[in-house]
Amino acid sequence: MEVRRLRLYPSQRVLHTRSIRDAEINSRSRIPDGRGSVCLFALFRGGVEHADLVIVGENSPGIDLHAVVNELGELHRAGLVRQWGVNNWSPASIRAAHDFAEADGVPGPVMAQLVNNIARRSAVEGPEFGKVFGELGVTLQSSDVFEGGRLLGKSRTGAEPFDDVQRRIADDVEGIRKAAESVGATPAQLCLAFTLTHPANTTTLFGATSVEQLGQNLAAVDLLDRVGAADLRALVDPFWADRDLADG
């Protein structure tokens, strides 16, 4: 689990705990006296009293979703967690968690962290997740927006493409570069700006190794304002590599 705090003015700081696995919640974070050991450890390490947002890790087979929802409800009542979301859960699991929370009168998931990039997006743009966003009010946190660097012509691991989508990306790298150049942008800015066109997107995850790179990436907002969502989506449409895959 990671705790990240933005070094901003106090009123702008947001604490985000990431990847609390379901097994940890069920087996190790029982709430003696209103405290969850896993969450308390994260808060202690971050030097804060509560988490604004907790992201629960990937849902494993056999996990009791009802118990997970109730434990998070206890963390909320204890003042340790304000809101929570999920990482790569299926639409059915998100809906089940929402229904359990609604029935028990505790907070349900408010955000889903999902892979969303110009090449791999069939799931988040499909009808099932569309219902999750539209009917449940869950928002999207776009992740893996560079597909591990492959959309930029790089790879974090240097490994060969592991599926048809990544093989397609390898063929499209030059086209992506030219598309970005045509609107006066970098490939990274183009990839980031694309995620902002999804109507449910409220957060886009990316890394930066310098203040300069951070500034360059943030210019994706200006790119979207300048080009417009419709034209930007049309520009990257040829690079939608998983277009024919089933909705998640």
Protein backbone atom coordinates (compact mmCIF):
# COMPACT_ATOMS: atom_id res chain seq x y z
CA MET A 1 0.00 0.00 0.00
CA GLU A 2 1.24 3.48 -0.77
CA VAL A 3 0.41 6.80 0.79
CA ARG A 4 0.93 9.87 -1.36
CA ARG A 5 0.41 13.43 -0.23
CA LEU A 6 0.68 16.37 -2.59
CA ARG A 7 3.01 19.05 -1.28
CA LEU A 8 0.58 21.90 -1.75
CA TYR A 9 -1.05 24.44 0.49
CA PRO A 10 -2.80 22.68 3.41
CA SER A 11 -6.26 23.20 1.96
CA GLN A 12 -5.16 21.58 -1.30
CA ARG A 13 -3.60 18.44 0.13
CA VAL A 14 -5.25 15.13 -0.62
CA LEU A 15 -4.16 11.88 0.96
CA HIS A 16 -4.67 8.87 -1.26
CA THR A 17 -3.95 5.36 0.00
CA ARG A 18 -3.57 2.92 -2.86
CA SER A 19 -3.85 -0.84 -3.26
CA ILE A 20 -5.26 -2.06 0.02
CA ARG A 21 -5.88 -5.64 -0.99
CA ASP A 22 -9.18 -7.26 -0.18
CA ALA A 23 -7.44 -10.06 1.72
CA GLU A 24 -5.79 -7.48 3.97
CA ILE A 25 -9.13 -5.88 4.73
CA ASN A 26 -10.78 -9.20 5.50
CA SER A 27 -8.02 -10.82 7.53
CA ARG A 28 -5.83 -8.13 9.01
CA SER A 29 -7.82 -4.92 9.36
CA ARG A 30 -10.54 -5.92 11.79
CA ILE A 31 -11.54 -2.86 13.72
CA PRO A 32 -10.69 -3.15 17.42
CA ASP A 33 -11.96 -0.01 19.14
CA GLY A 34 -12.84 1.54 15.81
CA ARG A 35 -9.40 1.26 14.23
CA GLY A 36 -8.24 -0.65 11.18
CA SER A 37 -4.65 -1.85 11.51
CA VAL A 38 -3.83 -1.61 7.81
CA CYS A 39 -5.34 1.83 7.42
CA LEU A 40 -3.76 3.05 10.66
CA PHE A 41 -0.34 1.94 9.46
CA ALA A 42 -0.79 3.90 6.24
CA LEU A 43 -1.96 6.99 8.09
CA PHE A 44 0.90 6.74 10.58
CA ARG A 45 3.41 6.47 7.75
CA GLY A 46 1.85 9.45 6.02
CA GLY A 47 1.75 11.51 9.19
CA VAL A 48 -1.97 12.30 8.91
CA GLU A 49 -5.15 11.45 10.77
CA HIS A 50 -7.37 10.31 7.90
CA ALA A 51 -7.33 9.27 4.25
CA ASP A 52 -9.42 11.29 1.81
CA LEU A 53 -9.58 8.34 -0.57
CA VAL A 54 -8.77 4.64 -0.24
CA ILE A 55 -8.48 2.46 -3.34
CA VAL A 56 -9.19 -1.22 -2.69
CA GLY A 57 -7.03 -3.59 -4.74
CA GLU A 58 -8.15 -6.02 -7.38
CA ASN A 59 -11.08 -8.19 -6.36
CA SER A 60 -10.01 -11.82 -5.88
CA PRO A 61 -12.27 -14.88 -6.21
CA GLY A 62 -13.89 -15.90 -2.95
CA ILE A 63 -13.67 -12.48 -1.33
CA ASP A 64 -16.73 -11.54 0.74
CA LEU A 65 -17.69 -8.22 -0.83
CA HIS A 66 -20.31 -7.58 1.82
CA ALA A 67 -17.67 -7.87 4.54
CA VAL A 68 -15.34 -5.55 2.63
CA VAL A 69 -18.06 -2.92 2.34
CA ASN A 70 -18.91 -3.15 6.04
CA GLU A 71 -15.27 -2.91 7.13
CA LEU A 72 -14.82 0.19 5.02
CA GLY A 73 -18.00 1.55 6.56
CA GLU A 74 -16.46 1.07 10.01
CA LEU A 75 -13.31 2.88 8.89
CA HIS A 76 -15.51 5.72 7.67
CA ARG A 77 -17.42 5.92 10.94
CA ALA A 78 -14.12 5.94 12.83
CA GLY A 79 -13.06 8.99 10.85
CA LEU A 80 -10.13 7.20 9.21
CA VAL A 81 -11.47 7.10 5.65
CA ARG A 82 -13.61 9.70 3.93
CA GLN A 83 -14.27 7.92 0.62
CA TRP A 84 -13.23 4.72 -1.10
CA GLY A 85 -12.91 3.32 -4.58
CA VAL A 86 -11.80 0.16 -6.35
CA ASN A 87 -9.01 -0.94 -8.65
CA ASN A 88 -9.90 -2.97 -11.75
CA TRP A 89 -13.14 -4.43 -10.40
CA SER A 90 -15.72 -5.73 -12.83
CA PRO A 91 -18.97 -3.81 -13.32
CA ALA A 92 -20.85 -6.62 -11.55
CA SER A 93 -18.60 -6.43 -8.48
CA ILE A 94 -18.87 -2.64 -8.30
CA ARG A 95 -22.64 -2.85 -8.52
CA ALA A 96 -22.75 -5.55 -5.84
CA ALA A 97 -20.63 -3.41 -3.50
CA HIS A 98 -22.84 -0.41 -4.20
CA ASP A 99 -25.99 -2.42 -3.43
CA PHE A 100 -24.54 -3.82 -0.18
CA ALA A 101 -23.56 -0.31 0.92
CA GLU A 102 -26.95 1.14 0.08
CA ALA A 103 -28.77 -1.62 1.96
CA ASP A 104 -26.56 -1.22 5.04
CA GLY A 105 -26.51 2.57 5.04
CA VAL A 106 -22.75 2.89 4.63
CA PRO A 107 -20.73 4.68 1.93
CA GLY A 108 -20.27 2.76 -1.30
CA PRO A 109 -17.50 3.04 -3.89
CA VAL A 110 -17.22 6.48 -5.46
CA MET A 111 -14.45 5.81 -7.96
CA ALA A 112 -13.14 3.01 -10.16
CA GLN A 113 -9.48 2.97 -11.12
CA LEU A 114 -9.42 1.38 -14.58
CA VAL A 115 -7.07 1.08 -17.53
CA ASN A 116 -7.98 3.81 -19.99
CA ASN A 117 -5.75 4.91 -22.83
CA ILE A 118 -5.97 5.64 -26.53
CA ALA A 119 -5.28 1.98 -27.40
CA ARG A 120 -6.95 0.02 -24.59
CA ARG A 121 -10.36 1.47 -23.72
CA SER A 122 -13.14 -0.88 -24.81
CA ALA A 123 -14.05 -1.74 -21.22
CA VAL A 124 -14.40 1.81 -19.87
CA GLU A 125 -16.27 2.91 -22.99
CA GLY A 126 -18.55 -0.14 -23.09
CA PRO A 127 -22.19 -0.35 -21.99
CA GLU A 128 -21.60 -2.17 -18.68
CA PHE A 129 -19.22 0.40 -17.27
CA GLY A 130 -21.42 3.05 -18.83
CA LYS A 131 -24.19 1.89 -16.48
CA VAL A 132 -21.81 1.94 -13.52
CA PHE A 133 -20.87 5.55 -14.26
CA GLY A 134 -24.34 6.71 -15.23
CA GLU A 135 -26.58 4.83 -12.79
CA LEU A 136 -24.38 4.51 -9.71
CA GLY A 137 -22.56 7.82 -9.91
CA VAL A 138 -19.16 6.13 -9.73
CA THR A 139 -16.43 8.17 -11.39
CA LEU A 140 -13.43 7.05 -13.42
CA GLN A 141 -9.80 7.23 -12.38
CA SER A 142 -7.84 6.58 -15.58
CA SER A 143 -4.71 4.49 -15.10
CA ASP A 144 -1.97 3.00 -17.29
CA VAL A 145 -2.52 5.93 -19.63
CA PHE A 146 0.80 5.31 -21.43
CA GLU A 147 0.42 1.49 -21.46
CA GLY A 148 3.64 1.12 -19.50
CA GLY A 149 5.38 3.63 -21.76
CA ARG A 150 4.65 1.70 -24.95
CA LEU A 151 2.40 4.44 -26.36
CA LEU A 152 5.42 6.73 -26.10
CA GLY A 153 7.72 4.26 -27.81
CA LYS A 154 9.18 3.06 -24.51
CA SER A 155 8.68 0.21 -22.07
CA ARG A 156 9.26 0.28 -18.32
CA THR A 157 10.51 -3.32 -18.37
CA GLY A 158 11.90 -3.60 -21.88
CA ALA A 159 9.83 -6.76 -22.34
CA GLU A 160 8.32 -7.79 -25.64
CA PRO A 161 4.61 -7.04 -26.23
CA PHE A 162 2.52 -9.62 -24.38
CA ASP A 163 -0.76 -9.40 -26.32
CA ASP A 164 -2.28 -8.28 -29.61
CA VAL A 165 -3.02 -4.82 -28.24
CA GLN A 166 0.60 -4.15 -27.39
CA ARG A 167 1.74 -5.55 -30.73
CA ARG A 168 -0.65 -3.14 -32.42
CA ILE A 169 0.70 -0.30 -30.30
CA ALA A 170 4.23 -1.08 -31.44
CA ASP A 171 3.07 -0.56 -35.02
CA ASP A 172 1.26 2.68 -34.14
CA VAL A 173 3.99 4.50 -32.20
CA GLU A 174 5.09 6.59 -35.18
CA GLY A 175 1.49 7.40 -36.07
CA ILE A 176 0.85 8.54 -32.51
CA ARG A 177 3.92 10.76 -32.62
CA LYS A 178 2.79 12.36 -35.87
CA ALA A 179 -0.76 12.83 -34.58
CA ALA A 180 0.57 14.63 -31.51
CA GLU A 181 2.89 16.74 -33.64
CA SER A 182 -0.04 17.77 -35.86
CA VAL A 183 -1.65 19.56 -32.90
CA GLY A 184 1.57 20.93 -31.46
CA ALA A 185 1.77 18.41 -28.63
CA THR A 186 3.92 15.60 -27.33
CA PRO A 187 2.69 11.98 -27.39
CA ALA A 188 2.40 12.11 -23.60
CA GLN A 189 0.21 15.20 -23.73
CA LEU A 190 -1.98 13.58 -26.37
CA CYS A 191 -2.41 10.42 -24.28
CA LEU A 192 -3.25 12.41 -21.16
CA ALA A 193 -5.64 14.76 -22.93
CA PHE A 194 -7.52 11.78 -24.34
CA THR A 195 -8.40 10.50 -20.87
CA LEU A 196 -9.95 13.87 -20.04
CA THR A 197 -12.51 13.40 -22.81
CA HIS A 198 -14.28 10.57 -20.97
CA PRO A 199 -17.39 12.07 -19.34
CA ALA A 200 -16.92 10.07 -16.12
CA ASN A 201 -13.21 10.82 -15.71
CA THR A 202 -12.35 12.79 -12.58
CA THR A 203 -8.72 11.73 -12.06
CA THR A 204 -5.92 10.72 -14.39
CA LEU A 205 -2.89 8.95 -12.93
CA PHE A 206 0.58 9.65 -14.28
CA GLY A 207 4.12 9.84 -13.00
CA ALA A 208 6.68 12.60 -13.39
CA THR A 209 10.38 12.55 -12.56
CA SER A 210 10.90 16.32 -12.62
CA VAL A 211 9.01 19.58 -12.19
CA GLU A 212 9.61 20.26 -15.88
CA GLN A 213 8.02 16.97 -16.90
CA LEU A 214 5.11 17.63 -14.57
CA GLY A 215 4.51 20.97 -16.27
CA GLN A 216 4.68 19.38 -19.71
CA ASN A 217 2.15 16.73 -18.72
CA LEU A 218 -0.23 19.26 -17.19
CA ALA A 219 -0.25 21.08 -20.53
CA ALA A 220 -2.57 18.26 -21.67
CA VAL A 221 -5.41 20.32 -20.18
CA ASP A 222 -4.55 23.22 -22.48
CA LEU A 223 -4.35 20.81 -25.42
CA LEU A 224 -7.88 19.59 -24.77
CA ASP A 225 -9.16 23.17 -24.47
CA ARG A 226 -7.44 24.14 -27.70
CA VAL A 227 -8.40 21.14 -29.87
CA GLY A 228 -11.73 20.14 -28.33
CA ALA A 229 -12.87 16.72 -27.15
CA ALA A 230 -14.55 15.62 -30.39
CA ASP A 231 -11.62 16.49 -32.64
CA LEU A 232 -9.11 15.01 -30.22
CA ARG A 233 -11.01 11.72 -30.05
CA ALA A 234 -11.21 11.63 -33.84
CA LEU A 235 -7.47 12.20 -34.05
CA VAL A 236 -6.63 9.18 -31.89
CA ASP A 237 -9.42 6.92 -33.14
CA PRO A 238 -7.12 4.99 -35.54
CA PHE A 239 -5.05 3.87 -32.54
CA TRP A 240 -7.92 2.16 -30.66
CA ALA A 241 -6.31 -1.29 -30.58
CA ASP A 242 -8.86 -3.25 -28.52
CA ARG A 243 -11.91 -1.90 -30.34
CA ASP A 244 -13.32 -5.35 -31.09
CA LEU A 245 -12.81 -6.86 -27.64
CA ALA A 246 -15.79 -7.58 -25.39
CA ASP A 247 -16.87 -4.99 -22.85
CA GLY A 248 -15.52 -5.59 -19.32
